[in-house]
Each structure stands twice: as structure tokens, then as C-alpha cells.
Amino acid sequence: MRCFYSSELELELPKGHPFPMDKFRLSKDMLLESRVLRPEEVIEVRAADPHVLKAVHDPAYLAKIYHGQLDRKEQIKLGLPVTPKLYTRSATEVEATRRTCLAALEEGVAVCLAGGTHHAFRGHGEGYCVFNDIAIAIRDLQVRQPGIRVMVVDTDAHQGNGTADLLADDPRVFTYSIHVGRNYPTQKVKGSMDVETVRYVEGGMYLRQLFQTLAAALDTFAPDLVIWIAGADNHSNDRFGQMHLSVRDLQRRDDVLLGCFIRNRVPVAVLYGGGYNRQVEFTAKLHRNTVATAKRLAAEIRGI
């Protein structure tokens, strides 16, 4: 199973910044140390070419990020300091997701050891999301295979407002999101199917909502590829997720969703999404668990 990563994902942030930038390196190291992944399965990527980014984002916005020219209000909305490395880091994350989607189509399942920046819009970023890797990857796939049908399954605790906006009115794309209704972002953008949970939803209620509504979505739209933004911010100890799921609940989520896609021969590209536990190692462990489940089920069901 191929997984895509880069050391460029490590961006230095001010002390005390809430975004757990170390989680990408830590989860990758956990996967290697536990021998879930072999070293040759972790593929280093470089930044996406500018023309790939321009398929989704306004050139003026790309230039602002490249030259570090966001004003104070734009930086606050984004939530990240604009440094010389921000453009490279964000473009590299896009490339990791793009490559993950291509690998999933070839092999059935692949993982981006990052990704899921679903709050980025055409002309601005917000919520720690600079470029929308999901929308960019889909537009790239559509150039290669114009008729490809892609379902975005977003189980991050927050609605993917940027993704819903960028992919609206495209009959080849179905955006499914299950998220806390009264949580960030304040202004939701209507997707193909939006499922709102109550604040601090318990695991049992959440899983019932997820399984019933996603089954209905799959009855409506038969995808050639699923892009799954898993999310680790559903855990009860997360600072921003406002859900009350346990490690066991998240394991159940991963088992059922990945089992459904893999058993039914639906290629799936797995992205990390959010996760903001005060202990960055714990967030990394949750991401690690999702990847381990993907590897196990791929091996059991499809021999990958």
C-alpha cells in the first residue's frame, strides 16, 4: 500500500500554536516503527506544479501566498503565519493528495500521510487550510478521465465548506459531510449531502447517523473513486471537534467505512483531516490507527 509524505510538511510555528504540525512526522514514524508500513511504502513527494494549483485557485491568491503578502485580517482567517515555507508546504500537501488519488485508482487503496484541507476556497484560505487539496486532485483527475465519478466522504468533525463551494454543481462529484452543526465554520456551504450532529455527540449515535446516511448516499451516487477525509478531531479529548467519540468508536468507524469501500471494489484515497488533541502524540496515534486499518483490510480483502 503506497503512502505519500514529505519532510516539507514540517512547518515551524510559534510556540503554543494550536495546530499540531508535528503530527505528520510522528504518525509516519509510528507507522514505520511498528512495521505497519515498510520504508519503501512511504513515498516522498515534491510541491505540485503551479498549473495544477491554478485549476482551482485564483492566481492572485497563489501569488499572495508565494510572496507572503496576506494582510493581517487574511492571516487571522487562515490561522497560520505567512512564512517563506508556507507556499511550498501547502503545494507539497496538494501533490501528496494528488498522487494518493492516482495510486488508489491503480491499486484500490492509498494514503496521504497528511491532507484534507477542506476549508480553502478559490481566493482565500481559512481554518489552517491554504490550498484545497481535495478539489485540486479531483480537477486533475477530470483532465485525465473526464467522466470519472468521485465521492468525497468527509468525516472530519467540521464541515468542508471550501470543498463544497469549489465542487458545487458538478454532477460528476458528490460531497458527503457529517459534522457538528453548531461548530466551525459558522457559515456552512451546502454540499450534496450534509449530516449535522449535535454538539458532543456520543459514539453510538454518531455511528448510527454515519452508517445510515452514507449508505443512502452510496445508493444515490456510484463512485469510481472515494476520497475519504478521515479526521481525528472526533475524539472526546480534541480541543476543537466537539464530539465525544472514543478510540474504540473511531476504530469502528474506520473498520466499517474502509471495509465497505474495499470489499465493494471502490478505490479509496485516505486523507488525514483534522486532529487537535493537546497531546500531539495522541492525535498522531489516531491517524496511525486509521492507516493501520487501511493496510490490514487491504491485505485481508484484496491482497495488497
C-alpha atoms as a PDB file:
ATOM      1  CA  MET A   1       0.000   0.000   0.000  1.00  0.00           C
ATOM      2  CA  ARG A   2       1.546   3.277  -1.111  1.00  0.00           C
ATOM      3  CA  CYS A   3       1.559   6.236   1.289  1.00  0.00           C
ATOM      4  CA  PHE A   4       2.666   9.734   0.323  1.00  0.00           C
ATOM      5  CA  TYR A   5       4.633  12.081   2.547  1.00  0.00           C
ATOM      6  CA  SER A   6       7.278  14.799   2.562  1.00  0.00           C
ATOM      7  CA  SER A   7       9.601  16.351   5.102  1.00  0.00           C
ATOM      8  CA  GLU A   8       8.392  19.671   3.646  1.00  0.00           C
ATOM      9  CA  LEU A   9       5.169  19.158   5.614  1.00  0.00           C
ATOM     10  CA  GLU A  10       7.050  20.191   8.745  1.00  0.00           C
ATOM     11  CA  LEU A  11       6.468  23.918   9.168  1.00  0.00           C
ATOM     12  CA  GLU A  12       7.806  25.758  12.209  1.00  0.00           C
ATOM     13  CA  LEU A  13       5.020  27.517  14.111  1.00  0.00           C
ATOM     14  CA  PRO A  14       5.111  29.936  17.058  1.00  0.00           C
ATOM     15  CA  LYS A  15       5.272  28.284  20.469  1.00  0.00           C
ATOM     16  CA  GLY A  16       1.812  27.437  21.736  1.00  0.00           C
ATOM     17  CA  HIS A  17       0.182  27.482  18.288  1.00  0.00           C
ATOM     18  CA  PRO A  18      -2.831  25.116  18.343  1.00  0.00           C
ATOM     19  CA  PHE A  19      -2.114  23.411  15.018  1.00  0.00           C
ATOM     20  CA  PRO A  20      -0.209  20.163  15.746  1.00  0.00           C
ATOM     21  CA  MET A  21       2.289  20.362  12.896  1.00  0.00           C
ATOM     22  CA  ASP A  22       4.396  17.543  14.375  1.00  0.00           C
ATOM     23  CA  LYS A  23       1.588  15.026  13.971  1.00  0.00           C
ATOM     24  CA  PHE A  24       2.547  14.249  10.373  1.00  0.00           C
ATOM     25  CA  ARG A  25       6.115  13.247  11.176  1.00  0.00           C
ATOM     26  CA  LEU A  26       5.104  11.477  14.389  1.00  0.00           C
ATOM     27  CA  SER A  27       2.415   9.360  12.744  1.00  0.00           C
ATOM     28  CA  LYS A  28       4.754   8.431   9.895  1.00  0.00           C
ATOM     29  CA  ASP A  29       7.420   7.390  12.396  1.00  0.00           C
ATOM     30  CA  MET A  30       4.878   5.356  14.386  1.00  0.00           C
ATOM     31  CA  LEU A  31       3.808   3.510  11.233  1.00  0.00           C
ATOM     32  CA  LEU A  32       7.394   2.651  10.368  1.00  0.00           C
ATOM     33  CA  GLU A  33       8.490   1.764  13.895  1.00  0.00           C
ATOM     34  CA  SER A  34       5.512  -0.548  14.379  1.00  0.00           C
ATOM     35  CA  ARG A  35       6.188  -2.089  10.959  1.00  0.00           C
ATOM     36  CA  VAL A  36       2.710  -1.302   9.711  1.00  0.00           C
ATOM     37  CA  LEU A  37       4.475   0.279   6.739  1.00  0.00           C
ATOM     38  CA  ARG A  38       7.724  -0.721   5.104  1.00  0.00           C
ATOM     39  CA  PRO A  39      10.118   2.127   4.254  1.00  0.00           C
ATOM     40  CA  GLU A  40       9.578   1.619   0.539  1.00  0.00           C
ATOM     41  CA  GLU A  41       5.828   2.175   1.001  1.00  0.00           C
ATOM     42  CA  VAL A  42       6.381   5.764   2.182  1.00  0.00           C
ATOM     43  CA  ILE A  43       6.922   7.798  -0.967  1.00  0.00           C
ATOM     44  CA  GLU A  44       8.448  11.260  -0.767  1.00  0.00           C
ATOM     45  CA  VAL A  45       6.794  13.918  -2.923  1.00  0.00           C
ATOM     46  CA  ARG A  46       7.659  17.415  -4.075  1.00  0.00           C
ATOM     47  CA  ALA A  47       5.494  20.521  -4.433  1.00  0.00           C
ATOM     48  CA  ALA A  48       2.723  20.450  -7.034  1.00  0.00           C
ATOM     49  CA  ASP A  49       3.327  22.397 -10.225  1.00  0.00           C
ATOM     50  CA  PRO A  50       1.722  25.866 -10.256  1.00  0.00           C
ATOM     51  CA  HIS A  51      -0.568  24.965 -13.180  1.00  0.00           C
ATOM     52  CA  VAL A  52      -2.106  22.219 -11.039  1.00  0.00           C
ATOM     53  CA  LEU A  53      -2.942  24.741  -8.315  1.00  0.00           C
ATOM     54  CA  LYS A  54      -4.351  27.230 -10.839  1.00  0.00           C
ATOM     55  CA  ALA A  55      -7.008  24.719 -11.882  1.00  0.00           C
ATOM     56  CA  VAL A  56      -8.783  25.605  -8.626  1.00  0.00           C
ATOM     57  CA  HIS A  57      -7.224  28.698  -7.061  1.00  0.00           C
ATOM     58  CA  ASP A  58      -7.149  32.334  -8.166  1.00  0.00           C
ATOM     59  CA  PRO A  59      -3.667  33.234  -9.483  1.00  0.00           C
ATOM     60  CA  ALA A  60      -3.743  36.425  -7.393  1.00  0.00           C
ATOM     61  CA  TYR A  61      -4.292  34.364  -4.232  1.00  0.00           C
ATOM     62  CA  LEU A  62      -1.491  31.962  -5.176  1.00  0.00           C
ATOM     63  CA  ALA A  63       0.814  34.939  -5.653  1.00  0.00           C
ATOM     64  CA  LYS A  64      -0.129  36.318  -2.237  1.00  0.00           C
ATOM     65  CA  ILE A  65       0.827  33.051  -0.552  1.00  0.00           C
ATOM     66  CA  TYR A  66       4.007  32.676  -2.616  1.00  0.00           C
ATOM     67  CA  HIS A  67       5.195  36.190  -1.789  1.00  0.00           C
ATOM     68  CA  GLY A  68       3.872  36.228   1.777  1.00  0.00           C
ATOM     69  CA  GLN A  69       1.584  39.180   1.145  1.00  0.00           C
ATOM     70  CA  LEU A  70      -1.545  38.313   3.141  1.00  0.00           C
ATOM     71  CA  ASP A  71      -2.757  41.202   5.249  1.00  0.00           C
ATOM     72  CA  ARG A  72      -3.416  40.870   8.983  1.00  0.00           C
ATOM     73  CA  LYS A  73      -7.106  40.037   8.555  1.00  0.00           C
ATOM     74  CA  GLU A  74      -6.340  37.351   5.962  1.00  0.00           C
ATOM     75  CA  GLN A  75      -3.697  35.807   8.217  1.00  0.00           C
ATOM     76  CA  ILE A  76      -6.112  35.678  11.144  1.00  0.00           C
ATOM     77  CA  LYS A  77      -8.736  33.987   8.964  1.00  0.00           C
ATOM     78  CA  LEU A  78      -6.163  31.474   7.729  1.00  0.00           C
ATOM     79  CA  GLY A  79      -4.823  30.810  11.215  1.00  0.00           C
ATOM     80  CA  LEU A  80      -1.250  30.240  10.067  1.00  0.00           C
ATOM     81  CA  PRO A  81       1.678  32.669   9.879  1.00  0.00           C
ATOM     82  CA  VAL A  82       2.711  33.512   6.323  1.00  0.00           C
ATOM     83  CA  THR A  83       6.325  32.417   6.088  1.00  0.00           C
ATOM     84  CA  PRO A  84       8.516  31.673   3.047  1.00  0.00           C
ATOM     85  CA  LYS A  85       7.896  27.928   3.552  1.00  0.00           C
ATOM     86  CA  LEU A  86       4.104  28.136   3.666  1.00  0.00           C
ATOM     87  CA  TYR A  87       3.626  28.014  -0.117  1.00  0.00           C
ATOM     88  CA  THR A  88       5.990  25.054  -0.534  1.00  0.00           C
ATOM     89  CA  ARG A  89       4.478  23.150   2.368  1.00  0.00           C
ATOM     90  CA  SER A  90       0.934  23.657   1.104  1.00  0.00           C
ATOM     91  CA  ALA A  91       1.762  22.821  -2.518  1.00  0.00           C
ATOM     92  CA  THR A  92       3.559  19.676  -1.351  1.00  0.00           C
ATOM     93  CA  GLU A  93       0.495  18.561   0.594  1.00  0.00           C
ATOM     94  CA  VAL A  94      -1.552  19.030  -2.577  1.00  0.00           C
ATOM     95  CA  GLU A  95       0.872  16.854  -4.527  1.00  0.00           C
ATOM     96  CA  ALA A  96       0.710  14.139  -1.871  1.00  0.00           C
ATOM     97  CA  THR A  97      -3.085  14.047  -2.173  1.00  0.00           C
ATOM     98  CA  ARG A  98      -2.973  14.115  -5.977  1.00  0.00           C
ATOM     99  CA  ARG A  99      -0.554  11.177  -6.043  1.00  0.00           C
ATOM    100  CA  THR A 100      -2.643   9.323  -3.462  1.00  0.00           C
ATOM    101  CA  CYS A 101      -5.718   9.512  -5.686  1.00  0.00           C
ATOM    102  CA  LEU A 102      -3.821   8.196  -8.701  1.00  0.00           C
ATOM    103  CA  ALA A 103      -2.368   5.336  -6.636  1.00  0.00           C
ATOM    104  CA  ALA A 104      -5.795   4.441  -5.236  1.00  0.00           C
ATOM    105  CA  LEU A 105      -7.203   4.122  -8.750  1.00  0.00           C
ATOM    106  CA  GLU A 106      -4.323   1.828  -9.682  1.00  0.00           C
ATOM    107  CA  GLU A 107      -4.211  -0.328  -6.543  1.00  0.00           C
ATOM    108  CA  GLY A 108      -7.523   0.034  -4.725  1.00  0.00           C
ATOM    109  CA  VAL A 109      -6.355   1.945  -1.645  1.00  0.00           C
ATOM    110  CA  ALA A 110      -3.656   4.525  -0.941  1.00  0.00           C
ATOM    111  CA  VAL A 111      -2.955   7.008   1.844  1.00  0.00           C
ATOM    112  CA  CYS A 112      -1.794  10.596   2.094  1.00  0.00           C
ATOM    113  CA  LEU A 113       0.017  10.976   5.419  1.00  0.00           C
ATOM    114  CA  ALA A 114      -1.475  14.489   5.627  1.00  0.00           C
ATOM    115  CA  GLY A 115      -4.144  16.222   3.528  1.00  0.00           C
ATOM    116  CA  GLY A 116      -7.798  17.052   3.878  1.00  0.00           C
ATOM    117  CA  THR A 117      -7.507  20.861   3.738  1.00  0.00           C
ATOM    118  CA  HIS A 118     -11.217  21.295   3.145  1.00  0.00           C
ATOM    119  CA  HIS A 119     -11.687  24.916   4.313  1.00  0.00           C
ATOM    120  CA  ALA A 120      -9.704  26.522   1.457  1.00  0.00           C
ATOM    121  CA  PHE A 121     -11.687  28.490  -1.142  1.00  0.00           C
ATOM    122  CA  ARG A 122     -10.717  29.724  -4.603  1.00  0.00           C
ATOM    123  CA  GLY A 123      -9.441  33.091  -3.426  1.00  0.00           C
ATOM    124  CA  HIS A 124      -8.691  32.658   0.268  1.00  0.00           C
ATOM    125  CA  GLY A 125      -7.714  30.178   2.934  1.00  0.00           C
ATOM    126  CA  GLU A 126      -9.192  29.662   6.359  1.00  0.00           C
ATOM    127  CA  GLY A 127      -9.133  27.235   9.262  1.00  0.00           C
ATOM    128  CA  TYR A 128      -5.452  26.246   8.739  1.00  0.00           C
ATOM    129  CA  CYS A 129      -6.215  25.325   5.103  1.00  0.00           C
ATOM    130  CA  VAL A 130      -4.174  27.137   2.434  1.00  0.00           C
ATOM    131  CA  PHE A 131      -4.907  25.195  -0.778  1.00  0.00           C
ATOM    132  CA  ASN A 132      -7.826  22.800  -1.245  1.00  0.00           C
ATOM    133  CA  ASP A 133      -6.038  19.547  -1.973  1.00  0.00           C
ATOM    134  CA  ILE A 134      -9.294  17.623  -2.462  1.00  0.00           C
ATOM    135  CA  ALA A 135     -10.703  19.878  -5.167  1.00  0.00           C
ATOM    136  CA  ILE A 136      -7.329  20.197  -6.897  1.00  0.00           C
ATOM    137  CA  ALA A 137      -6.874  16.423  -7.017  1.00  0.00           C
ATOM    138  CA  ILE A 138     -10.359  15.981  -8.467  1.00  0.00           C
ATOM    139  CA  ARG A 139      -9.827  18.584 -11.167  1.00  0.00           C
ATOM    140  CA  ASP A 140      -6.542  16.888 -12.066  1.00  0.00           C
ATOM    141  CA  LEU A 141      -8.309  13.521 -12.330  1.00  0.00           C
ATOM    142  CA  GLN A 142     -11.004  15.035 -14.530  1.00  0.00           C
ATOM    143  CA  VAL A 143      -8.395  16.223 -17.016  1.00  0.00           C
ATOM    144  CA  ARG A 144      -7.110  12.650 -17.248  1.00  0.00           C
ATOM    145  CA  GLN A 145     -10.533  10.941 -17.097  1.00  0.00           C
ATOM    146  CA  PRO A 146     -13.285  13.463 -17.904  1.00  0.00           C
ATOM    147  CA  GLY A 147     -16.124  11.120 -16.945  1.00  0.00           C
ATOM    148  CA  ILE A 148     -14.734   9.916 -13.630  1.00  0.00           C
ATOM    149  CA  ARG A 149     -17.219   9.982 -10.736  1.00  0.00           C
ATOM    150  CA  VAL A 150     -15.717  10.959  -7.385  1.00  0.00           C
ATOM    151  CA  MET A 151     -17.337  10.911  -3.960  1.00  0.00           C
ATOM    152  CA  VAL A 152     -15.793  12.980  -1.170  1.00  0.00           C
ATOM    153  CA  VAL A 153     -16.584  11.363   2.179  1.00  0.00           C
ATOM    154  CA  ASP A 154     -15.729  13.851   4.915  1.00  0.00           C
ATOM    155  CA  THR A 155     -15.903  12.541   8.489  1.00  0.00           C
ATOM    156  CA  ASP A 156     -13.760  15.314   9.939  1.00  0.00           C
ATOM    157  CA  ALA A 157     -15.699  16.972  12.788  1.00  0.00           C
ATOM    158  CA  HIS A 158     -16.008  20.200  10.772  1.00  0.00           C
ATOM    159  CA  GLN A 159     -17.867  20.749   7.510  1.00  0.00           C
ATOM    160  CA  GLY A 160     -15.706  21.006   4.404  1.00  0.00           C
ATOM    161  CA  ASN A 161     -17.128  24.355   3.343  1.00  0.00           C
ATOM    162  CA  GLY A 162     -14.383  25.138   0.839  1.00  0.00           C
ATOM    163  CA  THR A 163     -14.679  21.754  -0.841  1.00  0.00           C
ATOM    164  CA  ALA A 164     -18.464  22.051  -1.111  1.00  0.00           C
ATOM    165  CA  ASP A 165     -18.106  25.505  -2.667  1.00  0.00           C
ATOM    166  CA  LEU A 166     -15.401  24.576  -5.162  1.00  0.00           C
ATOM    167  CA  LEU A 167     -17.146  21.398  -6.345  1.00  0.00           C
ATOM    168  CA  ALA A 168     -20.727  22.676  -6.371  1.00  0.00           C
ATOM    169  CA  ASP A 169     -22.932  21.925  -9.399  1.00  0.00           C
ATOM    170  CA  ASP A 170     -20.567  19.299 -10.797  1.00  0.00           C
ATOM    171  CA  PRO A 171     -22.665  16.176 -11.470  1.00  0.00           C
ATOM    172  CA  ARG A 172     -19.515  14.054 -11.555  1.00  0.00           C
ATOM    173  CA  VAL A 173     -18.786  14.812  -7.876  1.00  0.00           C
ATOM    174  CA  PHE A 174     -20.746  14.007  -4.711  1.00  0.00           C
ATOM    175  CA  THR A 175     -19.719  15.719  -1.466  1.00  0.00           C
ATOM    176  CA  TYR A 176     -20.818  13.977   1.736  1.00  0.00           C
ATOM    177  CA  SER A 177     -20.025  15.531   5.106  1.00  0.00           C
ATOM    178  CA  ILE A 178     -21.001  14.544   8.649  1.00  0.00           C
ATOM    179  CA  HIS A 179     -20.086  17.208  11.185  1.00  0.00           C
ATOM    180  CA  VAL A 180     -21.180  19.097  14.284  1.00  0.00           C
ATOM    181  CA  GLY A 181     -23.924  21.516  13.271  1.00  0.00           C
ATOM    182  CA  ARG A 182     -23.084  24.293  15.734  1.00  0.00           C
ATOM    183  CA  ASN A 183     -19.331  24.436  15.328  1.00  0.00           C
ATOM    184  CA  TYR A 184     -16.727  25.929  12.984  1.00  0.00           C
ATOM    185  CA  PRO A 185     -17.258  27.018  10.257  1.00  0.00           C
ATOM    186  CA  THR A 186     -20.098  29.299  11.288  1.00  0.00           C
ATOM    187  CA  GLN A 187     -21.262  29.660   7.689  1.00  0.00           C
ATOM    188  CA  LYS A 188     -21.742  26.239   6.124  1.00  0.00           C
ATOM    189  CA  VAL A 189     -21.801  25.740   2.348  1.00  0.00           C
ATOM    190  CA  LYS A 190     -24.359  23.267   1.065  1.00  0.00           C
ATOM    191  CA  GLY A 191     -22.848  20.068  -0.288  1.00  0.00           C
ATOM    192  CA  SER A 192     -24.522  17.074  -1.932  1.00  0.00           C
ATOM    193  CA  MET A 193     -25.367  15.595   1.480  1.00  0.00           C
ATOM    194  CA  ASP A 194     -24.705  17.318   4.809  1.00  0.00           C
ATOM    195  CA  VAL A 195     -25.384  15.449   8.034  1.00  0.00           C
ATOM    196  CA  GLU A 196     -25.342  17.553  11.196  1.00  0.00           C
ATOM    197  CA  THR A 197     -24.760  16.044  14.617  1.00  0.00           C
ATOM    198  CA  VAL A 198     -25.439  17.595  17.993  1.00  0.00           C
ATOM    199  CA  ARG A 199     -22.547  19.003  19.996  1.00  0.00           C
ATOM    200  CA  TYR A 200     -20.657  16.364  21.959  1.00  0.00           C
ATOM    201  CA  VAL A 201     -22.464  13.563  20.160  1.00  0.00           C
ATOM    202  CA  GLU A 202     -21.840  10.154  21.721  1.00  0.00           C
ATOM    203  CA  GLY A 203     -20.200   7.428  19.710  1.00  0.00           C
ATOM    204  CA  GLY A 204     -23.220   5.185  19.291  1.00  0.00           C
ATOM    205  CA  MET A 205     -25.463   7.963  17.992  1.00  0.00           C
ATOM    206  CA  TYR A 206     -22.732   9.273  15.696  1.00  0.00           C
ATOM    207  CA  LEU A 207     -22.011   5.885  14.162  1.00  0.00           C
ATOM    208  CA  ARG A 208     -25.705   5.206  13.514  1.00  0.00           C
ATOM    209  CA  GLN A 209     -26.060   8.571  11.756  1.00  0.00           C
ATOM    210  CA  LEU A 210     -22.899   7.968   9.745  1.00  0.00           C
ATOM    211  CA  PHE A 211     -23.661   4.444   8.584  1.00  0.00           C
ATOM    212  CA  GLN A 212     -27.313   5.120   7.683  1.00  0.00           C
ATOM    213  CA  THR A 213     -26.728   8.342   5.776  1.00  0.00           C
ATOM    214  CA  LEU A 214     -23.585   7.234   3.976  1.00  0.00           C
ATOM    215  CA  ALA A 215     -25.397   4.089   2.820  1.00  0.00           C
ATOM    216  CA  ALA A 216     -28.125   6.352   1.416  1.00  0.00           C
ATOM    217  CA  ALA A 217     -25.510   8.495  -0.332  1.00  0.00           C
ATOM    218  CA  LEU A 218     -23.935   5.435  -1.924  1.00  0.00           C
ATOM    219  CA  ASP A 219     -27.370   4.332  -3.134  1.00  0.00           C
ATOM    220  CA  THR A 220     -27.690   7.713  -4.854  1.00  0.00           C
ATOM    221  CA  PHE A 221     -24.203   8.028  -6.334  1.00  0.00           C
ATOM    222  CA  ALA A 222     -21.961   5.193  -7.525  1.00  0.00           C
ATOM    223  CA  PRO A 223     -18.357   6.490  -7.383  1.00  0.00           C
ATOM    224  CA  ASP A 224     -15.327   5.385  -9.349  1.00  0.00           C
ATOM    225  CA  LEU A 225     -13.204   6.773  -6.513  1.00  0.00           C
ATOM    226  CA  VAL A 226     -13.826   7.767  -2.901  1.00  0.00           C
ATOM    227  CA  ILE A 227     -11.675  10.454  -1.296  1.00  0.00           C
ATOM    228  CA  TRP A 228     -12.091   9.892   2.430  1.00  0.00           C
ATOM    229  CA  ILE A 229     -11.121  12.703   4.819  1.00  0.00           C
ATOM    230  CA  ALA A 230     -10.980  10.609   7.959  1.00  0.00           C
ATOM    231  CA  GLY A 231     -10.431  13.167  10.728  1.00  0.00           C
ATOM    232  CA  ALA A 232      -9.073  12.531  14.214  1.00  0.00           C
ATOM    233  CA  ASP A 233     -10.849  15.517  15.753  1.00  0.00           C
ATOM    234  CA  ASN A 234     -13.939  13.424  16.545  1.00  0.00           C
ATOM    235  CA  HIS A 235     -12.250  12.153  19.711  1.00  0.00           C
ATOM    236  CA  SER A 236     -13.647  13.297  23.044  1.00  0.00           C
ATOM    237  CA  ASN A 237     -10.365  14.930  24.103  1.00  0.00           C
ATOM    238  CA  ASP A 238      -9.982  17.030  20.965  1.00  0.00           C
ATOM    239  CA  ARG A 239      -9.854  20.776  21.558  1.00  0.00           C
ATOM    240  CA  PHE A 240     -11.974  21.807  18.577  1.00  0.00           C
ATOM    241  CA  GLY A 241     -14.018  18.822  17.368  1.00  0.00           C
ATOM    242  CA  GLN A 242     -16.865  18.977  19.898  1.00  0.00           C
ATOM    243  CA  MET A 243     -17.657  15.289  19.504  1.00  0.00           C
ATOM    244  CA  HIS A 244     -17.457  12.603  22.165  1.00  0.00           C
ATOM    245  CA  LEU A 245     -16.081   9.540  20.383  1.00  0.00           C
ATOM    246  CA  SER A 246     -13.691   7.062  21.992  1.00  0.00           C
ATOM    247  CA  VAL A 247     -10.728   5.315  20.391  1.00  0.00           C
ATOM    248  CA  ARG A 248     -12.966   2.263  20.018  1.00  0.00           C
ATOM    249  CA  ASP A 249     -15.649   4.339  18.257  1.00  0.00           C
ATOM    250  CA  LEU A 250     -13.088   5.691  15.804  1.00  0.00           C
ATOM    251  CA  GLN A 251     -11.810   2.169  15.183  1.00  0.00           C
ATOM    252  CA  ARG A 252     -15.343   1.039  14.440  1.00  0.00           C
ATOM    253  CA  ARG A 253     -15.789   3.959  12.021  1.00  0.00           C
ATOM    254  CA  ASP A 254     -12.571   3.067  10.203  1.00  0.00           C
ATOM    255  CA  ASP A 255     -13.357  -0.656  10.055  1.00  0.00           C
ATOM    256  CA  VAL A 256     -16.835  -0.185   8.607  1.00  0.00           C
ATOM    257  CA  LEU A 257     -16.050   2.550   6.077  1.00  0.00           C
ATOM    258  CA  LEU A 258     -12.831   1.076   4.769  1.00  0.00           C
ATOM    259  CA  GLY A 259     -14.337  -2.410   4.759  1.00  0.00           C
ATOM    260  CA  CYS A 260     -17.297  -1.147   2.736  1.00  0.00           C
ATOM    261  CA  PHE A 261     -15.170   0.552   0.104  1.00  0.00           C
ATOM    262  CA  ILE A 262     -12.536  -2.146  -0.226  1.00  0.00           C
ATOM    263  CA  ARG A 263     -14.949  -5.105  -0.231  1.00  0.00           C
ATOM    264  CA  ASN A 264     -17.077  -3.451  -2.894  1.00  0.00           C
ATOM    265  CA  ARG A 265     -14.070  -2.728  -5.099  1.00  0.00           C
ATOM    266  CA  VAL A 266     -14.411   1.036  -4.781  1.00  0.00           C
ATOM    267  CA  PRO A 267     -10.938   2.624  -4.844  1.00  0.00           C
ATOM    268  CA  VAL A 268     -10.360   4.811  -1.785  1.00  0.00           C
ATOM    269  CA  ALA A 269      -7.818   7.576  -1.179  1.00  0.00           C
ATOM    270  CA  VAL A 270      -7.402   8.173   2.550  1.00  0.00           C
ATOM    271  CA  LEU A 271      -6.534  11.657   3.854  1.00  0.00           C
ATOM    272  CA  TYR A 272      -5.851  12.644   7.465  1.00  0.00           C
ATOM    273  CA  GLY A 273      -8.078  15.672   8.046  1.00  0.00           C
ATOM    274  CA  GLY A 274      -8.064  17.459  11.401  1.00  0.00           C
ATOM    275  CA  GLY A 275      -6.967  16.445  14.878  1.00  0.00           C
ATOM    276  CA  TYR A 276      -6.124  18.822  17.719  1.00  0.00           C
ATOM    277  CA  ASN A 277      -5.606  16.883  20.912  1.00  0.00           C
ATOM    278  CA  ARG A 278      -3.461  18.752  23.437  1.00  0.00           C
ATOM    279  CA  GLN A 279      -1.071  15.797  23.284  1.00  0.00           C
ATOM    280  CA  VAL A 280       0.155  15.778  19.702  1.00  0.00           C
ATOM    281  CA  GLU A 281       1.319  12.176  20.114  1.00  0.00           C
ATOM    282  CA  PHE A 282      -2.280  11.120  20.759  1.00  0.00           C
ATOM    283  CA  THR A 283      -3.526  12.766  17.571  1.00  0.00           C
ATOM    284  CA  ALA A 284      -0.682  11.111  15.656  1.00  0.00           C
ATOM    285  CA  LYS A 285      -1.700   7.760  17.137  1.00  0.00           C
ATOM    286  CA  LEU A 286      -5.295   8.177  15.937  1.00  0.00           C
ATOM    287  CA  HIS A 287      -4.077   8.896  12.398  1.00  0.00           C
ATOM    288  CA  ARG A 288      -1.707   5.959  12.683  1.00  0.00           C
ATOM    289  CA  ASN A 289      -4.624   3.699  13.633  1.00  0.00           C
ATOM    290  CA  THR A 290      -6.587   4.699  10.534  1.00  0.00           C
ATOM    291  CA  VAL A 291      -3.652   3.931   8.250  1.00  0.00           C
ATOM    292  CA  ALA A 292      -3.057   0.611  10.015  1.00  0.00           C
ATOM    293  CA  THR A 293      -6.691  -0.348   9.447  1.00  0.00           C
ATOM    294  CA  ALA A 294      -6.425   0.526   5.757  1.00  0.00           C
ATOM    295  CA  LYS A 295      -3.300  -1.606   5.417  1.00  0.00           C
ATOM    296  CA  ARG A 296      -4.828  -4.556   7.280  1.00  0.00           C
ATOM    297  CA  LEU A 297      -8.098  -4.571   5.350  1.00  0.00           C
ATOM    298  CA  ALA A 298      -6.366  -4.114   2.020  1.00  0.00           C
ATOM    299  CA  ALA A 299      -4.189  -7.118   2.789  1.00  0.00           C
ATOM    300  CA  GLU A 300      -7.087  -9.249   4.052  1.00  0.00           C
ATOM    301  CA  ILE A 301      -9.582  -8.427   1.328  1.00  0.00           C
ATOM    302  CA  ARG A 302      -7.575  -7.593  -1.756  1.00  0.00           C
ATOM    303  CA  GLY A 303      -4.120  -8.918  -1.025  1.00  0.00           C
ATOM    304  CA  ILE A 304      -2.450  -5.513  -1.391  1.00  0.00           C
END
